[in-house]
């Protein structure tokens, strides 16, 4: 593993490699935002004080709070899915994160409203990008976690992540096809 000079370079490299590996449409502004967001989460103790849905409902007029809800859900689902989804399906959190970014786009300065609308529309893809980035650095342990969760919940996010890793599940015969 190559040691990076700083955390921003580390995350920039991880985001770029993951975007290339999963062959998604590249958006330099979104990749830059993701790199910056990951770097900030690594340095600053950002917190949501209440459950995500309540935080969302109480703060629909605050750009900062809507952005924080979207960022926290994207970060949590992509990097620590086992922590964020203890009580709810990832599909629920994807919807909420997408809505938070959509609301952010309405409240954002004109210069960044398009970016937040793009993140809203592509929230599942960027969640998968972060999940893939994590899997590259944790020896693919996340794959086993997502497989287990897919068998329990059959969520869209789990299915897409496993497919992205080349694993499909034929539920008719209950076997793994790789």
N, C-alpha and C. Protein backbone atom coordinates (compact mmCIF):
# COMPACT_ATOMS: atom_id res chain seq x y z
N UNK A 1 0.85 -1.18 0.00
CA UNK A 1 0.00 0.00 0.00
C UNK A 1 0.89 1.24 0.00
N UNK A 2 0.54 2.18 -0.83
CA UNK A 2 1.31 3.43 -0.93
C UNK A 2 0.81 4.39 0.13
N UNK A 3 1.72 4.94 0.88
CA UNK A 3 1.36 5.90 1.91
C UNK A 3 1.21 7.28 1.27
N UNK A 4 0.09 7.92 1.55
CA UNK A 4 -0.18 9.25 0.99
C UNK A 4 0.31 10.31 1.96
N UNK A 5 0.66 11.46 1.40
CA UNK A 5 1.17 12.55 2.23
C UNK A 5 0.12 13.11 3.18
N UNK A 6 -1.13 13.10 2.75
CA UNK A 6 -2.17 13.61 3.63
C UNK A 6 -3.48 12.89 3.36
N UNK A 7 -4.44 13.12 4.22
CA UNK A 7 -5.72 12.42 4.15
C UNK A 7 -6.49 12.77 2.88
N UNK A 8 -6.38 14.00 2.41
CA UNK A 8 -7.08 14.40 1.19
C UNK A 8 -6.58 13.59 0.00
N UNK A 9 -5.26 13.44 -0.11
CA UNK A 9 -4.69 12.64 -1.20
C UNK A 9 -5.13 11.19 -1.11
N UNK A 10 -5.19 10.66 0.10
CA UNK A 10 -5.63 9.29 0.30
C UNK A 10 -7.05 9.10 -0.22
N UNK A 11 -7.97 9.98 0.18
CA UNK A 11 -9.37 9.85 -0.23
C UNK A 11 -9.55 10.16 -1.72
N UNK A 12 -8.79 11.09 -2.24
CA UNK A 12 -8.87 11.41 -3.67
C UNK A 12 -8.51 10.17 -4.49
N UNK A 13 -7.44 9.52 -4.09
CA UNK A 13 -6.99 8.31 -4.76
C UNK A 13 -8.04 7.20 -4.64
N UNK A 14 -8.60 7.02 -3.45
CA UNK A 14 -9.60 5.98 -3.22
C UNK A 14 -10.85 6.22 -4.07
N UNK A 15 -11.32 7.46 -4.13
CA UNK A 15 -12.52 7.80 -4.90
C UNK A 15 -12.26 7.59 -6.39
N UNK A 16 -11.13 8.07 -6.89
CA UNK A 16 -10.82 7.92 -8.31
C UNK A 16 -10.68 6.46 -8.72
N UNK A 17 -9.96 5.68 -7.93
CA UNK A 17 -9.78 4.26 -8.24
C UNK A 17 -11.11 3.53 -8.22
N UNK A 18 -11.93 3.83 -7.25
CA UNK A 18 -13.21 3.16 -7.14
C UNK A 18 -14.14 3.53 -8.30
N UNK A 19 -14.16 4.79 -8.69
CA UNK A 19 -14.99 5.23 -9.81
C UNK A 19 -14.57 4.52 -11.10
N UNK A 20 -13.26 4.38 -11.29
CA UNK A 20 -12.77 3.68 -12.48
C UNK A 20 -13.12 2.20 -12.43
N UNK A 21 -12.96 1.61 -11.26
CA UNK A 21 -13.17 0.18 -11.12
C UNK A 21 -14.62 -0.23 -11.34
N UNK A 22 -15.54 0.58 -10.86
CA UNK A 22 -16.94 0.21 -11.02
C UNK A 22 -17.53 0.76 -12.32
N UNK A 23 -16.70 1.44 -13.08
CA UNK A 23 -17.07 1.92 -14.41
C UNK A 23 -18.34 2.78 -14.38
N UNK A 24 -18.34 3.76 -13.49
CA UNK A 24 -19.48 4.67 -13.45
C UNK A 24 -19.15 5.96 -14.19
N UNK A 25 -20.18 6.65 -14.59
CA UNK A 25 -19.98 7.93 -15.28
C UNK A 25 -19.25 8.88 -14.32
N UNK A 26 -18.19 9.48 -14.81
CA UNK A 26 -17.36 10.34 -13.97
C UNK A 26 -17.93 11.75 -13.91
N UNK A 27 -17.91 12.33 -12.73
CA UNK A 27 -18.30 13.71 -12.53
C UNK A 27 -17.24 14.34 -11.63
N UNK A 28 -16.32 15.10 -12.20
CA UNK A 28 -15.22 15.67 -11.41
C UNK A 28 -15.70 16.49 -10.20
N UNK A 29 -16.77 17.25 -10.36
CA UNK A 29 -17.27 18.06 -9.24
C UNK A 29 -17.76 17.17 -8.10
N UNK A 30 -18.47 16.09 -8.45
CA UNK A 30 -18.97 15.17 -7.42
C UNK A 30 -17.81 14.42 -6.75
N UNK A 31 -16.81 14.02 -7.53
CA UNK A 31 -15.65 13.33 -6.96
C UNK A 31 -14.87 14.26 -6.04
N UNK A 32 -14.74 15.50 -6.43
CA UNK A 32 -14.06 16.48 -5.58
C UNK A 32 -14.85 16.66 -4.28
N UNK A 33 -16.16 16.79 -4.39
CA UNK A 33 -17.01 16.96 -3.21
C UNK A 33 -16.89 15.74 -2.29
N UNK A 34 -16.92 14.54 -2.86
CA UNK A 34 -16.81 13.32 -2.07
C UNK A 34 -15.48 13.26 -1.34
N UNK A 35 -14.40 13.60 -2.04
CA UNK A 35 -13.07 13.61 -1.42
C UNK A 35 -13.04 14.60 -0.25
N UNK A 36 -13.58 15.77 -0.48
CA UNK A 36 -13.62 16.79 0.57
C UNK A 36 -14.48 16.34 1.75
N UNK A 37 -15.64 15.75 1.45
CA UNK A 37 -16.54 15.27 2.50
C UNK A 37 -15.86 14.19 3.35
N UNK A 38 -15.22 13.22 2.71
CA UNK A 38 -14.54 12.15 3.44
C UNK A 38 -13.42 12.72 4.31
N UNK A 39 -12.68 13.66 3.77
CA UNK A 39 -11.59 14.28 4.52
C UNK A 39 -12.12 15.02 5.75
N UNK A 40 -13.24 15.71 5.58
CA UNK A 40 -13.83 16.44 6.71
C UNK A 40 -14.34 15.49 7.77
N UNK A 41 -14.97 14.38 7.36
CA UNK A 41 -15.46 13.42 8.34
C UNK A 41 -14.31 12.78 9.11
N UNK A 42 -13.16 12.66 8.47
CA UNK A 42 -11.99 12.08 9.14
C UNK A 42 -11.40 13.04 10.17
N UNK A 43 -11.59 14.35 9.97
CA UNK A 43 -10.97 15.35 10.84
C UNK A 43 -11.92 15.94 11.88
N UNK A 44 -13.16 16.15 11.49
CA UNK A 44 -14.11 16.89 12.32
C UNK A 44 -15.16 15.95 12.86
N UNK A 45 -15.56 16.18 14.08
CA UNK A 45 -16.58 15.37 14.70
C UNK A 45 -17.96 15.95 14.37
N UNK A 46 -18.44 15.67 13.15
CA UNK A 46 -19.77 16.15 12.74
C UNK A 46 -20.80 15.20 13.33
N UNK A 47 -21.85 15.76 13.85
CA UNK A 47 -22.87 14.92 14.46
C UNK A 47 -24.27 15.34 14.08
N UNK A 48 -25.09 14.35 13.97
CA UNK A 48 -26.53 14.57 13.85
C UNK A 48 -27.06 14.25 15.24
N UNK A 49 -27.77 15.19 15.81
CA UNK A 49 -28.20 15.05 17.21
C UNK A 49 -29.39 14.12 17.39
N UNK A 50 -30.24 13.99 16.38
CA UNK A 50 -31.46 13.20 16.51
C UNK A 50 -31.50 12.15 15.40
N UNK A 51 -32.49 11.24 15.44
CA UNK A 51 -32.60 10.29 14.33
C UNK A 51 -32.69 11.05 13.00
N UNK A 52 -32.17 10.43 11.95
CA UNK A 52 -32.06 11.10 10.66
C UNK A 52 -33.37 11.71 10.17
N UNK A 53 -34.46 10.95 10.24
CA UNK A 53 -35.74 11.45 9.73
C UNK A 53 -36.21 12.67 10.52
N UNK A 54 -36.02 12.66 11.82
CA UNK A 54 -36.43 13.81 12.65
C UNK A 54 -35.55 15.01 12.33
N UNK A 55 -34.25 14.78 12.21
CA UNK A 55 -33.32 15.86 11.84
C UNK A 55 -33.73 16.46 10.49
N UNK A 56 -34.10 15.60 9.57
CA UNK A 56 -34.54 16.06 8.25
C UNK A 56 -35.81 16.92 8.39
N UNK A 57 -36.82 16.39 9.07
CA UNK A 57 -38.11 17.08 9.17
C UNK A 57 -38.02 18.40 9.94
N UNK A 58 -37.16 18.46 10.95
CA UNK A 58 -37.04 19.68 11.75
C UNK A 58 -36.23 20.78 11.08
N UNK A 59 -35.47 20.43 10.04
CA UNK A 59 -34.51 21.39 9.49
C UNK A 59 -34.61 21.56 7.98
N UNK A 60 -35.82 21.48 7.43
CA UNK A 60 -35.96 21.55 5.98
C UNK A 60 -35.65 22.93 5.40
N UNK A 61 -35.44 23.92 6.24
CA UNK A 61 -35.08 25.25 5.75
C UNK A 61 -33.61 25.59 5.97
N UNK A 62 -32.84 24.61 6.41
CA UNK A 62 -31.43 24.84 6.69
C UNK A 62 -30.55 24.09 5.69
N UNK A 63 -29.86 24.82 4.85
CA UNK A 63 -28.95 24.19 3.90
C UNK A 63 -27.92 23.34 4.64
N UNK A 64 -27.31 23.89 5.68
CA UNK A 64 -26.26 23.17 6.41
C UNK A 64 -26.79 21.84 6.96
N UNK A 65 -27.98 21.85 7.57
CA UNK A 65 -28.52 20.63 8.18
C UNK A 65 -28.91 19.60 7.12
N UNK A 66 -29.50 20.06 6.01
CA UNK A 66 -29.87 19.13 4.93
C UNK A 66 -28.62 18.50 4.33
N UNK A 67 -27.60 19.31 4.13
CA UNK A 67 -26.33 18.82 3.60
C UNK A 67 -25.71 17.82 4.58
N UNK A 68 -25.78 18.13 5.88
CA UNK A 68 -25.23 17.23 6.90
C UNK A 68 -25.96 15.90 6.93
N UNK A 69 -27.28 15.92 6.80
CA UNK A 69 -28.04 14.67 6.75
C UNK A 69 -27.61 13.85 5.52
N UNK A 70 -27.57 14.49 4.35
CA UNK A 70 -27.14 13.79 3.14
C UNK A 70 -25.72 13.26 3.25
N UNK A 71 -24.80 14.10 3.72
CA UNK A 71 -23.40 13.69 3.87
C UNK A 71 -23.26 12.52 4.84
N UNK A 72 -23.93 12.62 5.98
CA UNK A 72 -23.81 11.59 7.01
C UNK A 72 -24.35 10.26 6.52
N UNK A 73 -25.48 10.29 5.82
CA UNK A 73 -26.04 9.05 5.29
C UNK A 73 -25.17 8.46 4.19
N UNK A 74 -24.65 9.30 3.31
CA UNK A 74 -23.76 8.81 2.26
C UNK A 74 -22.50 8.21 2.86
N UNK A 75 -21.90 8.91 3.79
CA UNK A 75 -20.70 8.43 4.47
C UNK A 75 -21.00 7.14 5.23
N UNK A 76 -22.07 7.14 6.00
CA UNK A 76 -22.40 5.97 6.82
C UNK A 76 -22.72 4.74 5.99
N UNK A 77 -23.57 4.90 4.99
CA UNK A 77 -23.94 3.75 4.15
C UNK A 77 -22.74 3.23 3.34
N UNK A 78 -21.90 4.13 2.89
CA UNK A 78 -20.78 3.73 2.06
C UNK A 78 -19.59 3.18 2.82
N UNK A 79 -19.31 3.76 3.96
CA UNK A 79 -18.10 3.38 4.70
C UNK A 79 -18.40 2.46 5.89
N UNK A 80 -19.49 2.70 6.60
CA UNK A 80 -19.83 1.89 7.77
C UNK A 80 -21.28 1.40 7.72
N UNK A 81 -21.64 0.63 6.68
CA UNK A 81 -23.04 0.21 6.56
C UNK A 81 -23.52 -0.62 7.75
N UNK A 82 -22.61 -1.38 8.35
CA UNK A 82 -23.01 -2.22 9.47
C UNK A 82 -23.43 -1.41 10.70
N UNK A 83 -22.98 -0.17 10.79
CA UNK A 83 -23.34 0.69 11.92
C UNK A 83 -24.63 1.46 11.66
N UNK A 84 -24.80 1.94 10.44
CA UNK A 84 -25.90 2.86 10.16
C UNK A 84 -27.24 2.13 9.94
N UNK A 85 -27.18 0.89 9.59
CA UNK A 85 -28.42 0.22 9.24
C UNK A 85 -28.88 -0.81 10.26
N UNK A 86 -28.61 -0.55 11.51
CA UNK A 86 -29.01 -1.49 12.56
C UNK A 86 -30.52 -1.66 12.66
N UNK A 87 -31.27 -0.58 12.40
CA UNK A 87 -32.72 -0.64 12.60
C UNK A 87 -33.55 -0.43 11.35
N UNK A 88 -32.93 -0.03 10.25
CA UNK A 88 -33.68 0.26 9.03
C UNK A 88 -32.96 -0.30 7.81
N UNK A 89 -33.70 -0.52 6.77
CA UNK A 89 -33.15 -0.99 5.51
C UNK A 89 -32.30 0.11 4.87
N UNK A 90 -31.24 -0.28 4.17
CA UNK A 90 -30.44 0.74 3.48
C UNK A 90 -31.25 1.48 2.42
N UNK A 91 -32.25 0.83 1.85
CA UNK A 91 -33.07 1.49 0.85
C UNK A 91 -33.80 2.70 1.44
N UNK A 92 -34.23 2.59 2.69
CA UNK A 92 -34.87 3.71 3.39
C UNK A 92 -33.87 4.87 3.52
N UNK A 93 -32.66 4.55 3.96
CA UNK A 93 -31.65 5.59 4.14
C UNK A 93 -31.20 6.20 2.82
N UNK A 94 -31.19 5.41 1.75
CA UNK A 94 -30.86 5.96 0.43
C UNK A 94 -31.91 6.99 0.04
N UNK A 95 -33.17 6.66 0.25
CA UNK A 95 -34.25 7.60 -0.06
C UNK A 95 -34.14 8.88 0.73
N UNK A 96 -33.87 8.74 2.03
CA UNK A 96 -33.75 9.91 2.90
C UNK A 96 -32.53 10.76 2.53
N UNK A 97 -31.41 10.12 2.26
CA UNK A 97 -30.21 10.85 1.85
C UNK A 97 -30.41 11.58 0.54
N UNK A 98 -31.07 10.92 -0.38
CA UNK A 98 -31.37 11.54 -1.67
C UNK A 98 -32.29 12.75 -1.49
N UNK A 99 -33.30 12.62 -0.63
CA UNK A 99 -34.21 13.75 -0.37
C UNK A 99 -33.46 14.90 0.30
N UNK A 100 -32.54 14.58 1.20
CA UNK A 100 -31.77 15.63 1.89
C UNK A 100 -30.92 16.40 0.89
N UNK A 101 -30.28 15.70 -0.05
CA UNK A 101 -29.49 16.40 -1.06
C UNK A 101 -30.38 17.18 -2.02
N UNK A 102 -31.56 16.66 -2.33
CA UNK A 102 -32.49 17.40 -3.20
C UNK A 102 -32.91 18.70 -2.51
N UNK A 103 -33.19 18.62 -1.22
CA UNK A 103 -33.56 19.83 -0.47
C UNK A 103 -32.35 20.77 -0.39
N UNK A 104 -31.17 20.21 -0.21
CA UNK A 104 -29.94 21.02 -0.20
C UNK A 104 -29.80 21.79 -1.50
N UNK A 105 -30.12 21.14 -2.61
CA UNK A 105 -29.98 21.80 -3.92
C UNK A 105 -30.91 23.01 -4.02
N UNK A 106 -32.07 22.93 -3.36
CA UNK A 106 -33.02 24.05 -3.38
C UNK A 106 -32.55 25.20 -2.49
N UNK A 107 -31.83 24.86 -1.44
CA UNK A 107 -31.39 25.87 -0.46
C UNK A 107 -29.97 26.38 -0.71
N UNK A 108 -29.22 25.67 -1.54
CA UNK A 108 -27.81 25.97 -1.76
C UNK A 108 -27.63 27.26 -2.55
N UNK A 109 -26.45 27.87 -2.41
CA UNK A 109 -26.11 28.98 -3.30
C UNK A 109 -26.19 28.48 -4.74
N UNK A 110 -26.52 29.34 -5.64
CA UNK A 110 -26.71 28.98 -7.05
C UNK A 110 -25.51 28.20 -7.61
N UNK A 111 -24.32 28.55 -7.17
CA UNK A 111 -23.10 27.93 -7.68
C UNK A 111 -23.00 26.44 -7.35
N UNK A 112 -23.67 25.97 -6.29
CA UNK A 112 -23.56 24.56 -5.93
C UNK A 112 -24.88 23.79 -5.97
N UNK A 113 -25.96 24.45 -6.34
CA UNK A 113 -27.26 23.76 -6.34
C UNK A 113 -27.29 22.59 -7.34
N UNK A 114 -26.64 22.74 -8.47
CA UNK A 114 -26.61 21.68 -9.48
C UNK A 114 -25.88 20.44 -8.96
N UNK A 115 -24.81 20.65 -8.22
CA UNK A 115 -24.05 19.53 -7.65
C UNK A 115 -24.93 18.73 -6.69
N UNK A 116 -25.66 19.40 -5.81
CA UNK A 116 -26.49 18.68 -4.84
C UNK A 116 -27.66 17.96 -5.52
N UNK A 117 -28.18 18.53 -6.57
CA UNK A 117 -29.22 17.85 -7.34
C UNK A 117 -28.65 16.58 -7.99
N UNK A 118 -27.44 16.69 -8.53
CA UNK A 118 -26.76 15.54 -9.12
C UNK A 118 -26.53 14.46 -8.06
N UNK A 119 -26.04 14.85 -6.87
CA UNK A 119 -25.81 13.88 -5.80
C UNK A 119 -27.12 13.23 -5.37
N UNK A 120 -28.19 14.00 -5.36
CA UNK A 120 -29.49 13.45 -5.00
C UNK A 120 -29.92 12.36 -5.99
N UNK A 121 -29.79 12.66 -7.25
CA UNK A 121 -30.21 11.71 -8.29
C UNK A 121 -29.31 10.48 -8.35
N UNK A 122 -28.06 10.63 -7.94
CA UNK A 122 -27.09 9.55 -8.04
C UNK A 122 -26.64 9.01 -6.68
N UNK A 123 -27.45 9.23 -5.67
CA UNK A 123 -27.10 8.81 -4.31
C UNK A 123 -26.75 7.32 -4.23
N UNK A 124 -27.55 6.41 -4.83
CA UNK A 124 -27.18 4.99 -4.75
C UNK A 124 -25.83 4.70 -5.40
N UNK A 125 -25.54 5.34 -6.53
CA UNK A 125 -24.27 5.10 -7.22
C UNK A 125 -23.08 5.54 -6.37
N UNK A 126 -23.22 6.69 -5.72
CA UNK A 126 -22.11 7.17 -4.89
C UNK A 126 -21.98 6.38 -3.59
N UNK A 127 -23.08 5.82 -3.11
CA UNK A 127 -23.01 4.90 -1.97
C UNK A 127 -22.21 3.68 -2.38
N UNK A 128 -22.51 3.13 -3.55
CA UNK A 128 -21.78 1.97 -4.06
C UNK A 128 -20.31 2.29 -4.29
N UNK A 129 -20.02 3.49 -4.78
CA UNK A 129 -18.64 3.90 -4.99
C UNK A 129 -17.88 3.86 -3.66
N UNK A 130 -18.49 4.40 -2.61
CA UNK A 130 -17.82 4.40 -1.30
C UNK A 130 -17.71 2.99 -0.73
N UNK A 131 -18.73 2.18 -0.93
CA UNK A 131 -18.66 0.79 -0.46
C UNK A 131 -17.51 0.06 -1.17
N UNK A 132 -17.38 0.29 -2.46
CA UNK A 132 -16.30 -0.34 -3.20
C UNK A 132 -14.94 0.17 -2.72
N UNK A 133 -14.83 1.46 -2.48
CA UNK A 133 -13.57 2.02 -1.98
C UNK A 133 -13.21 1.36 -0.65
N UNK A 134 -14.19 1.21 0.22
CA UNK A 134 -13.90 0.56 1.51
C UNK A 134 -13.46 -0.88 1.28
N UNK A 135 -14.13 -1.60 0.39
CA UNK A 135 -13.80 -3.02 0.19
C UNK A 135 -12.37 -3.19 -0.30
N UNK A 136 -11.84 -2.20 -1.01
CA UNK A 136 -10.47 -2.28 -1.50
C UNK A 136 -9.46 -2.17 -0.36
N UNK A 137 -9.87 -1.57 0.74
CA UNK A 137 -8.93 -1.35 1.85
C UNK A 137 -9.19 -2.25 3.06
N UNK A 138 -10.27 -3.03 3.02
CA UNK A 138 -10.52 -3.90 4.18
C UNK A 138 -10.53 -5.38 3.79
N UNK A 139 -9.79 -5.69 2.73
CA UNK A 139 -9.66 -7.07 2.25
C UNK A 139 -11.01 -7.72 1.97
N UNK A 140 -11.94 -6.91 1.47
CA UNK A 140 -13.25 -7.39 1.04
C UNK A 140 -14.13 -7.96 2.15
N UNK A 141 -13.83 -7.65 3.41
CA UNK A 141 -14.70 -8.13 4.51
C UNK A 141 -16.13 -7.62 4.34
N UNK A 142 -16.28 -6.44 3.77
CA UNK A 142 -17.61 -5.87 3.59
C UNK A 142 -18.48 -6.74 2.68
N UNK A 143 -17.87 -7.49 1.77
CA UNK A 143 -18.64 -8.35 0.87
C UNK A 143 -19.40 -9.39 1.67
N UNK A 144 -18.76 -9.99 2.66
CA UNK A 144 -19.43 -11.00 3.47
C UNK A 144 -20.58 -10.39 4.28
N UNK A 145 -20.35 -9.19 4.78
CA UNK A 145 -21.40 -8.50 5.52
C UNK A 145 -22.59 -8.21 4.61
N UNK A 146 -22.34 -7.68 3.41
CA UNK A 146 -23.42 -7.35 2.49
C UNK A 146 -24.15 -8.61 2.01
N UNK A 147 -23.43 -9.69 1.82
CA UNK A 147 -24.06 -10.95 1.42
C UNK A 147 -25.02 -11.42 2.52
N UNK A 148 -24.56 -11.39 3.74
CA UNK A 148 -25.41 -11.78 4.87
C UNK A 148 -26.66 -10.90 4.95
N UNK A 149 -26.47 -9.59 4.80
CA UNK A 149 -27.61 -8.67 4.86
C UNK A 149 -28.56 -8.87 3.69
N UNK A 150 -28.02 -9.18 2.50
CA UNK A 150 -28.89 -9.43 1.36
C UNK A 150 -29.79 -10.64 1.63
N UNK A 151 -29.21 -11.69 2.21
CA UNK A 151 -30.01 -12.88 2.51
C UNK A 151 -31.11 -12.56 3.52
N UNK A 152 -30.84 -11.63 4.45
CA UNK A 152 -31.84 -11.25 5.45
C UNK A 152 -32.89 -10.30 4.89
N UNK A 153 -32.46 -9.28 4.12
CA UNK A 153 -33.35 -8.17 3.75
C UNK A 153 -33.66 -8.05 2.27
N UNK A 154 -32.85 -8.64 1.42
CA UNK A 154 -33.00 -8.51 -0.04
C UNK A 154 -33.07 -7.06 -0.50
N UNK A 155 -32.23 -6.20 0.05
CA UNK A 155 -32.29 -4.77 -0.30
C UNK A 155 -31.62 -4.51 -1.65
N UNK A 156 -32.08 -3.45 -2.28
CA UNK A 156 -31.54 -3.00 -3.57
C UNK A 156 -30.04 -2.72 -3.45
N UNK A 157 -29.62 -2.02 -2.40
CA UNK A 157 -28.22 -1.65 -2.23
C UNK A 157 -27.34 -2.89 -2.12
N UNK A 158 -27.75 -3.85 -1.32
CA UNK A 158 -26.96 -5.07 -1.16
C UNK A 158 -26.85 -5.83 -2.48
N UNK A 159 -27.96 -5.96 -3.19
CA UNK A 159 -27.95 -6.67 -4.47
C UNK A 159 -27.03 -5.98 -5.46
N UNK A 160 -27.11 -4.66 -5.58
CA UNK A 160 -26.27 -3.92 -6.52
C UNK A 160 -24.78 -4.04 -6.15
N UNK A 161 -24.47 -3.96 -4.86
CA UNK A 161 -23.08 -4.07 -4.44
C UNK A 161 -22.53 -5.45 -4.77
N UNK A 162 -23.29 -6.49 -4.46
CA UNK A 162 -22.83 -7.85 -4.75
C UNK A 162 -22.67 -8.07 -6.26
N UNK A 163 -23.61 -7.55 -7.04
CA UNK A 163 -23.49 -7.65 -8.50
C UNK A 163 -22.25 -6.92 -9.00
N UNK A 164 -21.98 -5.75 -8.41
CA UNK A 164 -20.81 -4.97 -8.80
C UNK A 164 -19.53 -5.77 -8.53
N UNK A 165 -19.56 -6.61 -7.50
CA UNK A 165 -18.41 -7.44 -7.16
C UNK A 165 -18.42 -8.78 -7.91
N UNK A 166 -19.39 -8.95 -8.82
CA UNK A 166 -19.44 -10.16 -9.64
C UNK A 166 -20.19 -11.31 -8.99
N UNK A 167 -21.01 -11.04 -7.99
CA UNK A 167 -21.75 -12.08 -7.29
C UNK A 167 -23.24 -11.87 -7.53
N UNK A 168 -23.89 -12.85 -8.10
CA UNK A 168 -25.34 -12.79 -8.24
C UNK A 168 -25.95 -13.97 -7.50
N UNK A 169 -27.14 -13.79 -7.04
CA UNK A 169 -27.80 -14.84 -6.26
C UNK A 169 -29.06 -15.25 -6.99
N UNK A 170 -29.15 -16.50 -7.30
CA UNK A 170 -30.34 -17.05 -7.94
C UNK A 170 -31.23 -17.56 -6.81
N UNK A 171 -32.23 -16.77 -6.47
CA UNK A 171 -33.11 -17.09 -5.35
C UNK A 171 -33.95 -18.35 -5.61
N UNK A 172 -34.19 -18.68 -6.90
CA UNK A 172 -34.99 -19.84 -7.22
C UNK A 172 -34.32 -21.12 -6.71
N UNK A 173 -33.03 -21.17 -6.92
CA UNK A 173 -32.28 -22.36 -6.50
C UNK A 173 -31.46 -22.11 -5.24
N UNK A 174 -31.51 -20.89 -4.74
CA UNK A 174 -30.77 -20.50 -3.54
C UNK A 174 -29.29 -20.85 -3.65
N UNK A 175 -28.70 -20.46 -4.75
CA UNK A 175 -27.28 -20.71 -4.92
C UNK A 175 -26.58 -19.43 -5.36
N UNK A 176 -25.31 -19.40 -5.15
CA UNK A 176 -24.50 -18.24 -5.52
C UNK A 176 -23.88 -18.52 -6.88
N UNK A 177 -23.96 -17.54 -7.75
CA UNK A 177 -23.35 -17.65 -9.07
C UNK A 177 -22.24 -16.63 -9.13
N UNK A 178 -21.04 -17.07 -9.38
CA UNK A 178 -19.91 -16.13 -9.43
C UNK A 178 -19.14 -16.29 -10.69
